[in-house]
Amino acid sequence: MVSWMNRRVARPEAPRLRPRVAPTELTKVDFTELVPERVPFLGQAAYIQLVFFEGLSTAVQNAPTIRAKEGLSAAAGVALRKHHALIAELRLLGVEPVDVMAPFAPATDRLQASMRSSDWHELLLAIHVVSGMLDGYFSRLANGLHADLARRVRAILDEAGSATVLEHELGLAIAEQPGLADRLALWGRSLVGDTLLIARSALHGSDARGLDERVEPIFTELIADHTRRMDALGLTA
C-alpha cells in the first residue's frame, strides 16, 4: 500500500460528469451475467475495504479536532469490520484470504495512489467519493452470487460507515473556507475515472470485446450516484 498524505501532482481538469438520464429513469441493471466467481469477488471486495480502513485511519491521525477524530475512528472501524467479515467468508470457502487478495493489490494500490493528497479535506472527499461508489457497486454486484452468500455479502457492504461523518466534516469546512468548494469539486471529478476502472475490473469477462456497450448502463448509474453525492455537498460533479 502507498502513503496517503504525500503531496499530489497537479492534474488537468477532468470533464464534468452528469448522468445521461434523470435519476428516476436510470436502468435497473441485471448484473447476473457479469458477476465474477465468488472467490475473486470476495477477495477484491475485501482488499478494497482494507484500503478504505487505511485511508480513514490516516484521516484520524491528521484530523484537526477531537470530534473529527472520534467520528472518523468509528468509520474506520466499520471499514475494518467489513474487511474481516469478507475474509471470513473466504475462509468458509476453504481458501487463504491473503492469496486471494494479492492479485487485486496492484490495481487497488494504484487507485489508492490517485486518492492521496497532502490536504486533509481532499483526503476526506477522496474516501467519500470512492467508497461511496464502490460500496454500492459491489453490493449490487453481489446480487448475482448464490442467494445465501449474496444476502450475507450485501448485509456486510450495506452497513452504514463513513458517509455521515465525511459529509459533516466536509460541509463544515466548505461553509467556513471560501474557495474550498471549487477546489474540492475539481478534485472529486479527477477521482471518477480511476474508480470506474476498478469497477470495470470486477466484472466477469472484463477484457472481452463489446463489454463497454453492455456496462454503459451500470456506469451511468454509478455516475448518477456520484453526482447526487457531490450535489449533497454543494459541489459540481
C-alpha atoms as a PDB file:
ATOM      1  CA  MET A   1       0.000   0.000   0.000  1.00  0.00           C
ATOM      2  CA  VAL A   2       1.046   3.606  -0.522  1.00  0.00           C
ATOM      3  CA  SER A   3       1.263   6.647   1.726  1.00  0.00           C
ATOM      4  CA  TRP A   4      -1.973   8.640   1.876  1.00  0.00           C
ATOM      5  CA  MET A   5      -0.667  12.094   2.743  1.00  0.00           C
ATOM      6  CA  ASN A   6       2.021  12.647   0.133  1.00  0.00           C
ATOM      7  CA  ARG A   7       1.852  15.805  -1.906  1.00  0.00           C
ATOM      8  CA  ARG A   8      -0.089  15.021  -5.034  1.00  0.00           C
ATOM      9  CA  VAL A   9       0.884  16.033  -8.539  1.00  0.00           C
ATOM     10  CA  ALA A  10      -1.425  18.608 -10.104  1.00  0.00           C
ATOM     11  CA  ARG A  11      -3.760  17.111 -12.677  1.00  0.00           C
ATOM     12  CA  PRO A  12      -5.550  18.666 -15.622  1.00  0.00           C
ATOM     13  CA  GLU A  13      -9.229  19.357 -15.016  1.00  0.00           C
ATOM     14  CA  ALA A  14     -11.379  16.328 -15.568  1.00  0.00           C
ATOM     15  CA  PRO A  15     -14.606  16.657 -17.542  1.00  0.00           C
ATOM     16  CA  ARG A  16     -17.708  17.418 -15.553  1.00  0.00           C
ATOM     17  CA  LEU A  17     -19.844  14.336 -15.333  1.00  0.00           C
ATOM     18  CA  ARG A  18     -23.600  14.290 -15.419  1.00  0.00           C
ATOM     19  CA  PRO A  19     -25.833  11.276 -15.811  1.00  0.00           C
ATOM     20  CA  ARG A  20     -27.351  10.980 -19.266  1.00  0.00           C
ATOM     21  CA  VAL A  21     -30.744  10.314 -17.752  1.00  0.00           C
ATOM     22  CA  ALA A  22     -32.593  11.571 -14.725  1.00  0.00           C
ATOM     23  CA  PRO A  23     -32.144   9.559 -11.510  1.00  0.00           C
ATOM     24  CA  THR A  24     -35.727   8.284 -11.653  1.00  0.00           C
ATOM     25  CA  GLU A  25     -35.165   6.946 -15.196  1.00  0.00           C
ATOM     26  CA  LEU A  26     -31.986   5.020 -14.531  1.00  0.00           C
ATOM     27  CA  THR A  27     -31.904   1.464 -15.820  1.00  0.00           C
ATOM     28  CA  LYS A  28     -32.010  -1.178 -13.114  1.00  0.00           C
ATOM     29  CA  VAL A  29     -29.122  -3.256 -14.329  1.00  0.00           C
ATOM     30  CA  ASP A  30     -29.115  -7.064 -14.222  1.00  0.00           C
ATOM     31  CA  PHE A  31     -25.626  -7.990 -13.042  1.00  0.00           C
ATOM     32  CA  THR A  32     -26.158 -11.741 -13.200  1.00  0.00           C
ATOM     33  CA  GLU A  33     -24.125 -12.497 -16.329  1.00  0.00           C
ATOM     34  CA  LEU A  34     -21.324 -10.143 -15.325  1.00  0.00           C
ATOM     35  CA  VAL A  35     -20.705 -11.325 -11.767  1.00  0.00           C
ATOM     36  CA  PRO A  36     -17.274 -12.938 -11.281  1.00  0.00           C
ATOM     37  CA  GLU A  37     -16.689 -16.171  -9.414  1.00  0.00           C
ATOM     38  CA  ARG A  38     -17.367 -15.829  -5.706  1.00  0.00           C
ATOM     39  CA  VAL A  39     -13.768 -16.246  -4.527  1.00  0.00           C
ATOM     40  CA  PRO A  40     -12.212 -13.440  -6.614  1.00  0.00           C
ATOM     41  CA  PHE A  41     -15.243 -11.248  -5.951  1.00  0.00           C
ATOM     42  CA  LEU A  42     -14.789 -11.604  -2.197  1.00  0.00           C
ATOM     43  CA  GLY A  43     -11.029 -11.133  -2.442  1.00  0.00           C
ATOM     44  CA  GLN A  44     -11.287  -7.889  -4.385  1.00  0.00           C
ATOM     45  CA  ALA A  45     -14.046  -6.513  -2.161  1.00  0.00           C
ATOM     46  CA  ALA A  46     -12.080  -7.413   0.983  1.00  0.00           C
ATOM     47  CA  TYR A  47      -8.901  -5.702  -0.200  1.00  0.00           C
ATOM     48  CA  ILE A  48     -10.816  -2.566  -1.161  1.00  0.00           C
ATOM     49  CA  GLN A  49     -12.230  -2.360   2.376  1.00  0.00           C
ATOM     50  CA  LEU A  50      -8.712  -2.680   3.771  1.00  0.00           C
ATOM     51  CA  VAL A  51      -7.658   0.302   1.666  1.00  0.00           C
ATOM     52  CA  PHE A  52     -10.643   2.304   2.937  1.00  0.00           C
ATOM     53  CA  PHE A  53      -9.656   1.434   6.503  1.00  0.00           C
ATOM     54  CA  GLU A  54      -6.121   2.640   5.888  1.00  0.00           C
ATOM     55  CA  GLY A  55      -7.338   5.915   4.396  1.00  0.00           C
ATOM     56  CA  LEU A  56      -9.734   6.575   7.254  1.00  0.00           C
ATOM     57  CA  SER A  57      -7.006   5.775   9.780  1.00  0.00           C
ATOM     58  CA  THR A  58      -4.785   8.383   8.143  1.00  0.00           C
ATOM     59  CA  ALA A  59      -7.672  10.844   8.264  1.00  0.00           C
ATOM     60  CA  VAL A  60      -8.000  10.182  12.008  1.00  0.00           C
ATOM     61  CA  GLN A  61      -4.299  10.768  12.539  1.00  0.00           C
ATOM     62  CA  ASN A  62      -4.417  14.127  10.761  1.00  0.00           C
ATOM     63  CA  ALA A  63      -7.827  15.327  11.959  1.00  0.00           C
ATOM     64  CA  PRO A  64      -7.747  18.844  13.457  1.00  0.00           C
ATOM     65  CA  THR A  65     -10.339  18.228  16.201  1.00  0.00           C
ATOM     66  CA  ILE A  66     -11.202  15.532  18.715  1.00  0.00           C
ATOM     67  CA  ARG A  67     -14.744  15.465  17.335  1.00  0.00           C
ATOM     68  CA  ALA A  68     -13.446  14.629  13.879  1.00  0.00           C
ATOM     69  CA  LYS A  69     -11.048  12.018  15.254  1.00  0.00           C
ATOM     70  CA  GLU A  70     -13.864  10.295  17.131  1.00  0.00           C
ATOM     71  CA  GLY A  71     -16.227  10.199  14.166  1.00  0.00           C
ATOM     72  CA  LEU A  72     -13.604   9.084  11.676  1.00  0.00           C
ATOM     73  CA  SER A  73     -12.272   6.403  14.014  1.00  0.00           C
ATOM     74  CA  ALA A  74     -15.763   4.891  14.192  1.00  0.00           C
ATOM     75  CA  ALA A  75     -15.950   4.938  10.382  1.00  0.00           C
ATOM     76  CA  ALA A  76     -12.542   3.265  10.160  1.00  0.00           C
ATOM     77  CA  GLY A  77     -13.836   0.574  12.493  1.00  0.00           C
ATOM     78  CA  VAL A  78     -16.742  -0.122  10.146  1.00  0.00           C
ATOM     79  CA  ALA A  79     -14.397  -0.495   7.158  1.00  0.00           C
ATOM     80  CA  LEU A  80     -12.192  -2.884   9.127  1.00  0.00           C
ATOM     81  CA  ARG A  81     -15.238  -4.856  10.238  1.00  0.00           C
ATOM     82  CA  LYS A  82     -16.358  -5.191   6.614  1.00  0.00           C
ATOM     83  CA  HIS A  83     -12.879  -6.369   5.634  1.00  0.00           C
ATOM     84  CA  HIS A  84     -12.792  -9.059   8.314  1.00  0.00           C
ATOM     85  CA  ALA A  85     -16.340 -10.197   7.543  1.00  0.00           C
ATOM     86  CA  LEU A  86     -15.436 -10.658   3.874  1.00  0.00           C
ATOM     87  CA  ILE A  87     -12.259 -12.594   4.605  1.00  0.00           C
ATOM     88  CA  ALA A  88     -14.287 -14.757   6.993  1.00  0.00           C
ATOM     89  CA  GLU A  89     -16.461 -15.670   4.003  1.00  0.00           C
ATOM     90  CA  LEU A  90     -13.316 -16.636   2.093  1.00  0.00           C
ATOM     91  CA  ARG A  91     -12.183 -18.881   4.922  1.00  0.00           C
ATOM     92  CA  LEU A  92     -15.587 -20.579   4.920  1.00  0.00           C
ATOM     93  CA  LEU A  93     -14.838 -21.468   1.298  1.00  0.00           C
ATOM     94  CA  GLY A  94     -11.540 -23.060   2.332  1.00  0.00           C
ATOM     95  CA  VAL A  95      -9.182 -20.534   0.746  1.00  0.00           C
ATOM     96  CA  GLU A  96      -6.432 -18.338   2.166  1.00  0.00           C
ATOM     97  CA  PRO A  97      -7.603 -14.678   2.045  1.00  0.00           C
ATOM     98  CA  VAL A  98      -4.121 -13.223   1.531  1.00  0.00           C
ATOM     99  CA  ASP A  99      -3.579 -15.377  -1.547  1.00  0.00           C
ATOM    100  CA  VAL A 100      -6.958 -14.386  -2.969  1.00  0.00           C
ATOM    101  CA  MET A 101      -6.491 -10.659  -2.324  1.00  0.00           C
ATOM    102  CA  ALA A 102      -2.946 -10.489  -3.696  1.00  0.00           C
ATOM    103  CA  PRO A 103      -3.835 -10.320  -7.428  1.00  0.00           C
ATOM    104  CA  PHE A 104      -6.038  -7.277  -6.783  1.00  0.00           C
ATOM    105  CA  ALA A 105      -3.462  -5.337  -4.785  1.00  0.00           C
ATOM    106  CA  PRO A 106      -1.570  -3.658  -7.671  1.00  0.00           C
ATOM    107  CA  ALA A 107      -4.637  -2.099  -9.313  1.00  0.00           C
ATOM    108  CA  THR A 108      -6.220  -1.140  -5.993  1.00  0.00           C
ATOM    109  CA  ASP A 109      -2.953   0.378  -4.799  1.00  0.00           C
ATOM    110  CA  ARG A 110      -2.884   2.481  -7.971  1.00  0.00           C
ATOM    111  CA  LEU A 111      -6.353   3.732  -7.101  1.00  0.00           C
ATOM    112  CA  GLN A 112      -5.130   4.483  -3.597  1.00  0.00           C
ATOM    113  CA  ALA A 113      -2.223   6.446  -5.057  1.00  0.00           C
ATOM    114  CA  SER A 114      -4.648   8.536  -7.119  1.00  0.00           C
ATOM    115  CA  MET A 115      -6.553   9.369  -3.911  1.00  0.00           C
ATOM    116  CA  ARG A 116      -3.613  10.521  -1.815  1.00  0.00           C
ATOM    117  CA  SER A 117      -3.204  14.194  -1.013  1.00  0.00           C
ATOM    118  CA  SER A 118      -1.353  16.432   1.407  1.00  0.00           C
ATOM    119  CA  ASP A 119      -4.662  18.202   2.055  1.00  0.00           C
ATOM    120  CA  TRP A 120      -6.898  16.665   4.739  1.00  0.00           C
ATOM    121  CA  HIS A 121     -10.140  17.799   3.132  1.00  0.00           C
ATOM    122  CA  GLU A 122      -9.128  16.331  -0.214  1.00  0.00           C
ATOM    123  CA  LEU A 123      -8.386  13.042   1.541  1.00  0.00           C
ATOM    124  CA  LEU A 124     -11.854  13.067   3.113  1.00  0.00           C
ATOM    125  CA  LEU A 125     -13.502  13.742  -0.232  1.00  0.00           C
ATOM    126  CA  ALA A 126     -11.448  11.028  -1.923  1.00  0.00           C
ATOM    127  CA  ILE A 127     -12.637   8.456   0.610  1.00  0.00           C
ATOM    128  CA  HIS A 128     -16.209   9.740   0.355  1.00  0.00           C
ATOM    129  CA  VAL A 129     -16.271   9.566  -3.442  1.00  0.00           C
ATOM    130  CA  VAL A 130     -14.502   6.242  -3.910  1.00  0.00           C
ATOM    131  CA  SER A 131     -16.071   4.337  -1.023  1.00  0.00           C
ATOM    132  CA  GLY A 132     -19.485   5.705  -1.904  1.00  0.00           C
ATOM    133  CA  MET A 133     -19.200   4.475  -5.478  1.00  0.00           C
ATOM    134  CA  LEU A 134     -17.585   1.101  -4.800  1.00  0.00           C
ATOM    135  CA  ASP A 135     -19.559   0.025  -1.722  1.00  0.00           C
ATOM    136  CA  GLY A 136     -22.842   0.462  -3.541  1.00  0.00           C
ATOM    137  CA  TYR A 137     -21.470  -1.078  -6.715  1.00  0.00           C
ATOM    138  CA  PHE A 138     -20.128  -4.235  -5.067  1.00  0.00           C
ATOM    139  CA  SER A 139     -23.338  -4.575  -3.076  1.00  0.00           C
ATOM    140  CA  ARG A 140     -25.393  -4.541  -6.285  1.00  0.00           C
ATOM    141  CA  LEU A 141     -22.921  -6.866  -7.983  1.00  0.00           C
ATOM    142  CA  ALA A 142     -23.366  -9.324  -5.112  1.00  0.00           C
ATOM    143  CA  ASN A 143     -26.948  -9.895  -6.294  1.00  0.00           C
ATOM    144  CA  GLY A 144     -25.540 -12.312  -8.848  1.00  0.00           C
ATOM    145  CA  LEU A 145     -23.943 -14.554  -6.220  1.00  0.00           C
ATOM    146  CA  HIS A 146     -25.621 -17.617  -4.702  1.00  0.00           C
ATOM    147  CA  ALA A 147     -28.667 -16.497  -2.714  1.00  0.00           C
ATOM    148  CA  ASP A 148     -27.334 -17.147   0.809  1.00  0.00           C
ATOM    149  CA  LEU A 149     -23.914 -15.688   0.071  1.00  0.00           C
ATOM    150  CA  ALA A 150     -25.470 -12.725  -1.731  1.00  0.00           C
ATOM    151  CA  ARG A 151     -27.592 -11.907   1.299  1.00  0.00           C
ATOM    152  CA  ARG A 152     -24.626 -12.072   3.679  1.00  0.00           C
ATOM    153  CA  VAL A 153     -22.341 -10.014   1.448  1.00  0.00           C
ATOM    154  CA  ARG A 154     -24.948  -7.323   0.921  1.00  0.00           C
ATOM    155  CA  ALA A 155     -25.507  -7.118   4.674  1.00  0.00           C
ATOM    156  CA  ILE A 156     -21.759  -6.633   5.122  1.00  0.00           C
ATOM    157  CA  LEU A 157     -21.339  -3.972   2.446  1.00  0.00           C
ATOM    158  CA  ASP A 158     -24.549  -2.093   3.202  1.00  0.00           C
ATOM    159  CA  GLU A 159     -23.581  -1.346   6.805  1.00  0.00           C
ATOM    160  CA  ALA A 160     -23.522   2.426   7.229  1.00  0.00           C
ATOM    161  CA  GLY A 161     -19.947   3.598   7.506  1.00  0.00           C
ATOM    162  CA  SER A 162     -18.133   6.818   6.704  1.00  0.00           C
ATOM    163  CA  ALA A 163     -20.671   8.817   4.693  1.00  0.00           C
ATOM    164  CA  THR A 164     -22.273  10.734   7.568  1.00  0.00           C
ATOM    165  CA  VAL A 165     -19.081  11.871   9.278  1.00  0.00           C
ATOM    166  CA  LEU A 166     -17.380  12.701   5.979  1.00  0.00           C
ATOM    167  CA  GLU A 167     -20.357  14.764   4.809  1.00  0.00           C
ATOM    168  CA  HIS A 168     -20.424  16.565   8.167  1.00  0.00           C
ATOM    169  CA  GLU A 169     -16.728  17.446   8.229  1.00  0.00           C
ATOM    170  CA  LEU A 170     -16.651  18.453   4.578  1.00  0.00           C
ATOM    171  CA  GLY A 171     -19.828  20.516   4.928  1.00  0.00           C
ATOM    172  CA  LEU A 172     -18.374  22.455   7.861  1.00  0.00           C
ATOM    173  CA  ALA A 173     -15.141  23.159   6.017  1.00  0.00           C
ATOM    174  CA  ILE A 174     -16.868  24.230   2.798  1.00  0.00           C
ATOM    175  CA  ALA A 175     -19.052  26.673   4.749  1.00  0.00           C
ATOM    176  CA  GLU A 176     -16.069  28.152   6.593  1.00  0.00           C
ATOM    177  CA  GLN A 177     -13.427  28.319   3.852  1.00  0.00           C
ATOM    178  CA  PRO A 178     -14.114  30.417   0.741  1.00  0.00           C
ATOM    179  CA  GLY A 179     -12.780  28.768  -2.393  1.00  0.00           C
ATOM    180  CA  LEU A 180     -12.612  25.282  -0.918  1.00  0.00           C
ATOM    181  CA  ALA A 181     -15.730  24.126  -2.762  1.00  0.00           C
ATOM    182  CA  ASP A 182     -14.245  24.873  -6.189  1.00  0.00           C
ATOM    183  CA  ARG A 183     -11.024  23.054  -5.356  1.00  0.00           C
ATOM    184  CA  LEU A 184     -12.851  20.045  -3.967  1.00  0.00           C
ATOM    185  CA  ALA A 185     -15.192  19.894  -6.964  1.00  0.00           C
ATOM    186  CA  LEU A 186     -12.189  19.664  -9.283  1.00  0.00           C
ATOM    187  CA  TRP A 187     -10.561  17.056  -7.050  1.00  0.00           C
ATOM    188  CA  GLY A 188     -13.731  14.991  -6.910  1.00  0.00           C
ATOM    189  CA  ARG A 189     -14.046  14.934 -10.697  1.00  0.00           C
ATOM    190  CA  SER A 190     -10.475  13.712 -11.026  1.00  0.00           C
ATOM    191  CA  LEU A 191     -11.223  10.582  -8.975  1.00  0.00           C
ATOM    192  CA  VAL A 192     -14.072   9.178 -11.030  1.00  0.00           C
ATOM    193  CA  GLY A 193     -12.114   7.659 -13.903  1.00  0.00           C
ATOM    194  CA  ASP A 194      -9.775   5.624 -11.701  1.00  0.00           C
ATOM    195  CA  THR A 195     -12.716   4.407  -9.624  1.00  0.00           C
ATOM    196  CA  LEU A 196     -14.605   3.262 -12.715  1.00  0.00           C
ATOM    197  CA  LEU A 197     -11.551   1.261 -13.806  1.00  0.00           C
ATOM    198  CA  ILE A 198     -11.728  -0.717 -10.562  1.00  0.00           C
ATOM    199  CA  ALA A 199     -15.459  -1.198 -11.012  1.00  0.00           C
ATOM    200  CA  ARG A 200     -14.965  -2.490 -14.548  1.00  0.00           C
ATOM    201  CA  SER A 201     -12.218  -4.875 -13.479  1.00  0.00           C
ATOM    202  CA  ALA A 202     -14.629  -6.617 -11.099  1.00  0.00           C
ATOM    203  CA  LEU A 203     -16.897  -7.774 -13.924  1.00  0.00           C
ATOM    204  CA  HIS A 204     -16.737 -11.245 -15.428  1.00  0.00           C
ATOM    205  CA  GLY A 205     -15.074 -11.040 -18.837  1.00  0.00           C
ATOM    206  CA  SER A 206     -13.821  -7.505 -18.189  1.00  0.00           C
ATOM    207  CA  ASP A 207     -11.392  -7.818 -21.104  1.00  0.00           C
ATOM    208  CA  ALA A 208     -13.981  -9.103 -23.558  1.00  0.00           C
ATOM    209  CA  ARG A 209     -14.863  -7.218 -26.712  1.00  0.00           C
ATOM    210  CA  GLY A 210     -18.181  -5.468 -26.638  1.00  0.00           C
ATOM    211  CA  LEU A 211     -18.242  -5.215 -22.859  1.00  0.00           C
ATOM    212  CA  ASP A 212     -18.228  -1.417 -22.884  1.00  0.00           C
ATOM    213  CA  GLU A 213     -21.640  -1.300 -24.507  1.00  0.00           C
ATOM    214  CA  ARG A 214     -23.082  -3.772 -22.012  1.00  0.00           C
ATOM    215  CA  VAL A 215     -21.740  -1.984 -18.948  1.00  0.00           C
ATOM    216  CA  GLU A 216     -22.619   1.551 -20.021  1.00  0.00           C
ATOM    217  CA  PRO A 217     -25.914   1.500 -18.059  1.00  0.00           C
ATOM    218  CA  ILE A 218     -24.019   0.301 -14.994  1.00  0.00           C
ATOM    219  CA  PHE A 219     -21.550   3.156 -15.185  1.00  0.00           C
ATOM    220  CA  THR A 220     -24.321   5.630 -15.955  1.00  0.00           C
ATOM    221  CA  GLU A 221     -25.939   4.616 -12.677  1.00  0.00           C
ATOM    222  CA  LEU A 222     -22.631   4.873 -10.802  1.00  0.00           C
ATOM    223  CA  ILE A 223     -22.039   8.378 -12.150  1.00  0.00           C
ATOM    224  CA  ALA A 224     -25.599   9.380 -11.259  1.00  0.00           C
ATOM    225  CA  ASP A 225     -24.995   8.211  -7.687  1.00  0.00           C
ATOM    226  CA  HIS A 226     -21.726  10.137  -7.617  1.00  0.00           C
ATOM    227  CA  THR A 227     -23.434  13.276  -8.902  1.00  0.00           C
ATOM    228  CA  ARG A 228     -26.063  13.143  -6.175  1.00  0.00           C
ATOM    229  CA  ARG A 229     -23.332  12.600  -3.571  1.00  0.00           C
ATOM    230  CA  MET A 230     -21.462  15.680  -4.767  1.00  0.00           C
ATOM    231  CA  ASP A 231     -24.669  17.715  -5.038  1.00  0.00           C
ATOM    232  CA  ALA A 232     -25.378  16.990  -1.372  1.00  0.00           C
ATOM    233  CA  LEU A 233     -22.136  18.813  -0.554  1.00  0.00           C
ATOM    234  CA  GLY A 234     -22.894  21.672  -2.936  1.00  0.00           C
ATOM    235  CA  LEU A 235     -20.115  20.534  -5.285  1.00  0.00           C
ATOM    236  CA  THR A 236     -20.273  20.295  -9.060  1.00  0.00           C
ATOM    237  CA  ALA A 237     -19.672  16.752 -10.276  1.00  0.00           C
END
